[in-house]
Amino acid sequence: MVELDFKCDRCGKVIPAGTAYVSLTRNIEQVEHNVIENEDEIRLLHADELLTLCTSCGSSFDTEHLINIIKNLPGNYTEVKNN
């Protein structure tokens, strides 16, 4: 049996299976229309987990502040590297 324990990327604390945690993930998604159900659906094409945090560390972040930081990141990695 595979253990699904994670470690917090900030404090290093073990996050055991069954415990809530905060995850920042980059998803590539595609909206599709299901004609049978007549509903739009989002299909996940790819996901990269960027950061895993225990709830203590994850709750210490201001969500609106993180959103503003991410929205203002340059689109070109070399711009980030040079700053």
N, C-alpha and C. Protein backbone atom coordinates (compact mmCIF):
# COMPACT_ATOMS: atom_id res chain seq x y z
N MET A 1 0.83 -1.18 0.00
CA MET A 1 0.00 0.00 0.00
C MET A 1 0.89 1.25 0.00
N VAL A 2 0.57 2.21 -0.84
CA VAL A 2 1.34 3.43 -0.97
C VAL A 2 0.88 4.45 0.08
N GLU A 3 1.82 5.03 0.80
CA GLU A 3 1.50 6.09 1.77
C GLU A 3 1.36 7.40 1.01
N LEU A 4 0.35 8.17 1.35
CA LEU A 4 0.11 9.44 0.70
C LEU A 4 0.47 10.63 1.59
N ASP A 5 1.48 10.47 2.42
CA ASP A 5 1.91 11.57 3.28
C ASP A 5 2.69 12.59 2.46
N PHE A 6 2.43 13.86 2.71
CA PHE A 6 3.15 14.95 2.07
C PHE A 6 3.91 15.69 3.15
N LYS A 7 4.84 16.53 2.74
CA LYS A 7 5.51 17.44 3.66
C LYS A 7 5.18 18.86 3.25
N CYS A 8 5.01 19.72 4.24
CA CYS A 8 4.76 21.13 3.98
C CYS A 8 6.01 21.73 3.36
N ASP A 9 5.84 22.41 2.22
CA ASP A 9 6.98 23.02 1.53
C ASP A 9 7.53 24.25 2.26
N ARG A 10 6.83 24.70 3.28
CA ARG A 10 7.29 25.88 4.02
C ARG A 10 7.96 25.49 5.34
N CYS A 11 7.29 24.69 6.17
CA CYS A 11 7.83 24.36 7.50
C CYS A 11 8.40 22.94 7.58
N GLY A 12 8.11 22.10 6.57
CA GLY A 12 8.63 20.74 6.56
C GLY A 12 7.82 19.74 7.35
N LYS A 13 6.74 20.18 7.99
CA LYS A 13 5.89 19.29 8.79
C LYS A 13 5.25 18.23 7.89
N VAL A 14 5.18 16.99 8.39
CA VAL A 14 4.51 15.91 7.66
C VAL A 14 3.01 16.16 7.67
N ILE A 15 2.38 16.01 6.51
CA ILE A 15 0.93 16.14 6.38
C ILE A 15 0.39 14.74 6.12
N PRO A 16 -0.10 14.06 7.15
CA PRO A 16 -0.54 12.67 6.96
C PRO A 16 -1.80 12.56 6.11
N ALA A 17 -1.99 11.41 5.51
CA ALA A 17 -3.20 11.14 4.73
C ALA A 17 -4.42 11.39 5.59
N GLY A 18 -5.45 11.98 5.01
CA GLY A 18 -6.67 12.27 5.72
C GLY A 18 -6.68 13.64 6.38
N THR A 19 -5.56 14.36 6.27
CA THR A 19 -5.45 15.69 6.87
C THR A 19 -5.60 16.75 5.78
N ALA A 20 -6.34 17.81 6.08
CA ALA A 20 -6.51 18.90 5.12
C ALA A 20 -5.18 19.62 4.91
N TYR A 21 -4.97 20.14 3.72
CA TYR A 21 -3.77 20.92 3.42
C TYR A 21 -4.11 21.93 2.32
N VAL A 22 -3.21 22.88 2.11
CA VAL A 22 -3.39 23.91 1.09
C VAL A 22 -2.47 23.58 -0.08
N SER A 23 -3.02 23.66 -1.29
CA SER A 23 -2.25 23.32 -2.48
C SER A 23 -2.39 24.43 -3.52
N LEU A 24 -1.27 24.90 -4.04
CA LEU A 24 -1.28 25.81 -5.18
C LEU A 24 -0.95 24.96 -6.40
N THR A 25 -1.85 24.97 -7.35
CA THR A 25 -1.74 24.09 -8.51
C THR A 25 -1.92 24.88 -9.79
N ARG A 26 -1.13 24.54 -10.80
CA ARG A 26 -1.29 25.10 -12.14
C ARG A 26 -2.02 24.07 -12.98
N ASN A 27 -3.22 24.41 -13.43
CA ASN A 27 -4.03 23.50 -14.24
C ASN A 27 -4.14 24.00 -15.67
N ILE A 28 -4.13 23.06 -16.59
CA ILE A 28 -4.49 23.35 -17.97
C ILE A 28 -5.84 22.68 -18.17
N GLU A 29 -6.85 23.50 -18.46
CA GLU A 29 -8.22 23.01 -18.54
C GLU A 29 -8.85 23.39 -19.87
N GLN A 30 -9.90 22.67 -20.19
CA GLN A 30 -10.64 22.92 -21.43
C GLN A 30 -12.13 22.83 -21.13
N VAL A 31 -12.86 23.87 -21.54
CA VAL A 31 -14.31 23.86 -21.35
C VAL A 31 -14.94 23.14 -22.54
N GLU A 32 -15.82 22.22 -22.23
CA GLU A 32 -16.54 21.47 -23.26
C GLU A 32 -18.02 21.51 -22.95
N HIS A 33 -18.82 21.30 -23.97
CA HIS A 33 -20.26 21.26 -23.76
C HIS A 33 -20.75 19.83 -23.93
N ASN A 34 -21.40 19.31 -22.89
CA ASN A 34 -21.97 17.97 -22.92
C ASN A 34 -23.38 18.10 -23.49
N VAL A 35 -23.56 17.63 -24.73
CA VAL A 35 -24.86 17.79 -25.40
C VAL A 35 -25.93 16.90 -24.79
N ILE A 36 -25.54 15.76 -24.23
CA ILE A 36 -26.51 14.85 -23.63
C ILE A 36 -27.11 15.47 -22.37
N GLU A 37 -26.24 16.04 -21.51
CA GLU A 37 -26.70 16.66 -20.26
C GLU A 37 -27.04 18.15 -20.46
N ASN A 38 -26.68 18.70 -21.62
CA ASN A 38 -26.86 20.11 -21.93
C ASN A 38 -26.22 21.00 -20.86
N GLU A 39 -24.96 20.64 -20.49
CA GLU A 39 -24.20 21.39 -19.49
C GLU A 39 -22.77 21.57 -19.96
N ASP A 40 -22.18 22.67 -19.54
CA ASP A 40 -20.76 22.88 -19.78
C ASP A 40 -19.97 22.12 -18.74
N GLU A 41 -18.85 21.56 -19.15
CA GLU A 41 -17.98 20.80 -18.26
C GLU A 41 -16.56 21.29 -18.45
N ILE A 42 -15.79 21.22 -17.39
CA ILE A 42 -14.38 21.56 -17.46
C ILE A 42 -13.58 20.27 -17.41
N ARG A 43 -12.76 20.08 -18.42
CA ARG A 43 -11.93 18.87 -18.50
C ARG A 43 -10.50 19.24 -18.13
N LEU A 44 -9.94 18.56 -17.16
CA LEU A 44 -8.56 18.79 -16.74
C LEU A 44 -7.62 18.07 -17.69
N LEU A 45 -6.74 18.83 -18.36
CA LEU A 45 -5.80 18.24 -19.30
C LEU A 45 -4.45 17.94 -18.65
N HIS A 46 -4.04 18.81 -17.73
CA HIS A 46 -2.74 18.62 -17.06
C HIS A 46 -2.72 19.44 -15.78
N ALA A 47 -2.05 18.93 -14.75
CA ALA A 47 -1.94 19.65 -13.49
C ALA A 47 -0.52 19.53 -12.95
N ASP A 48 0.01 20.65 -12.46
CA ASP A 48 1.30 20.68 -11.78
C ASP A 48 1.08 21.25 -10.39
N GLU A 49 1.44 20.48 -9.37
CA GLU A 49 1.34 21.00 -8.01
C GLU A 49 2.56 21.88 -7.76
N LEU A 50 2.31 23.15 -7.50
CA LEU A 50 3.39 24.11 -7.32
C LEU A 50 3.86 24.19 -5.88
N LEU A 51 2.93 24.05 -4.95
CA LEU A 51 3.26 24.24 -3.55
C LEU A 51 2.26 23.48 -2.70
N THR A 52 2.76 22.75 -1.71
CA THR A 52 1.91 22.04 -0.76
C THR A 52 2.23 22.57 0.63
N LEU A 53 1.20 23.04 1.33
CA LEU A 53 1.39 23.64 2.64
C LEU A 53 0.45 23.00 3.66
N CYS A 54 0.95 22.85 4.90
CA CYS A 54 0.05 22.43 5.97
C CYS A 54 -0.97 23.55 6.18
N THR A 55 -2.08 23.27 6.84
CA THR A 55 -3.12 24.30 6.98
C THR A 55 -2.63 25.49 7.78
N SER A 56 -1.72 25.28 8.70
CA SER A 56 -1.19 26.40 9.48
C SER A 56 -0.42 27.37 8.59
N CYS A 57 0.50 26.86 7.77
CA CYS A 57 1.27 27.72 6.87
C CYS A 57 0.38 28.28 5.77
N GLY A 58 -0.48 27.45 5.21
CA GLY A 58 -1.34 27.88 4.11
C GLY A 58 -2.34 28.94 4.53
N SER A 59 -2.81 28.86 5.75
CA SER A 59 -3.79 29.84 6.24
C SER A 59 -3.15 31.17 6.57
N SER A 60 -1.83 31.20 6.67
CA SER A 60 -1.15 32.45 7.01
C SER A 60 -1.02 33.38 5.81
N PHE A 61 -1.29 32.88 4.61
CA PHE A 61 -1.20 33.71 3.41
C PHE A 61 -2.50 34.45 3.16
N ASP A 62 -2.39 35.68 2.73
CA ASP A 62 -3.54 36.48 2.32
C ASP A 62 -3.84 36.14 0.86
N THR A 63 -4.97 35.51 0.62
CA THR A 63 -5.33 35.03 -0.72
C THR A 63 -5.34 36.15 -1.75
N GLU A 64 -5.92 37.28 -1.41
CA GLU A 64 -5.98 38.41 -2.35
C GLU A 64 -4.57 38.89 -2.72
N HIS A 65 -3.68 38.90 -1.74
CA HIS A 65 -2.30 39.31 -2.01
C HIS A 65 -1.62 38.33 -2.97
N LEU A 66 -1.82 37.03 -2.74
CA LEU A 66 -1.25 36.02 -3.65
C LEU A 66 -1.79 36.18 -5.06
N ILE A 67 -3.08 36.44 -5.20
CA ILE A 67 -3.69 36.63 -6.51
C ILE A 67 -3.03 37.81 -7.21
N ASN A 68 -2.84 38.92 -6.50
CA ASN A 68 -2.20 40.09 -7.10
C ASN A 68 -0.77 39.81 -7.52
N ILE A 69 -0.03 39.07 -6.70
CA ILE A 69 1.35 38.71 -7.07
C ILE A 69 1.36 37.89 -8.35
N ILE A 70 0.52 36.88 -8.41
CA ILE A 70 0.49 35.99 -9.58
C ILE A 70 0.06 36.75 -10.83
N LYS A 71 -0.94 37.61 -10.71
CA LYS A 71 -1.41 38.38 -11.87
C LYS A 71 -0.34 39.33 -12.40
N ASN A 72 0.57 39.76 -11.55
CA ASN A 72 1.59 40.71 -11.96
C ASN A 72 2.93 40.08 -12.32
N LEU A 73 2.99 38.75 -12.31
CA LEU A 73 4.22 38.08 -12.73
C LEU A 73 4.44 38.31 -14.23
N PRO A 74 5.67 38.57 -14.63
CA PRO A 74 5.94 38.71 -16.08
C PRO A 74 5.68 37.38 -16.78
N GLY A 75 5.28 37.45 -18.04
CA GLY A 75 5.01 36.25 -18.81
C GLY A 75 6.25 35.56 -19.30
N ASN A 76 7.37 36.27 -19.28
CA ASN A 76 8.62 35.73 -19.77
C ASN A 76 9.52 35.42 -18.59
N TYR A 77 9.96 34.18 -18.46
CA TYR A 77 10.77 33.76 -17.31
C TYR A 77 12.06 34.57 -17.20
N THR A 78 12.65 34.99 -18.32
CA THR A 78 13.90 35.73 -18.24
C THR A 78 13.71 37.07 -17.54
N GLU A 79 12.51 37.65 -17.63
CA GLU A 79 12.22 38.90 -16.92
C GLU A 79 12.24 38.67 -15.41
N VAL A 80 11.71 37.55 -14.97
CA VAL A 80 11.70 37.21 -13.53
C VAL A 80 13.13 36.96 -13.07
N LYS A 81 13.89 36.22 -13.86
CA LYS A 81 15.25 35.85 -13.52
C LYS A 81 16.14 37.09 -13.40
N ASN A 82 15.91 38.08 -14.23
CA ASN A 82 16.73 39.29 -14.22
C ASN A 82 16.36 40.26 -13.12
N ASN A 83 15.19 40.10 -12.52
CA ASN A 83 14.77 41.03 -11.45
C ASN A 83 15.16 40.51 -10.14
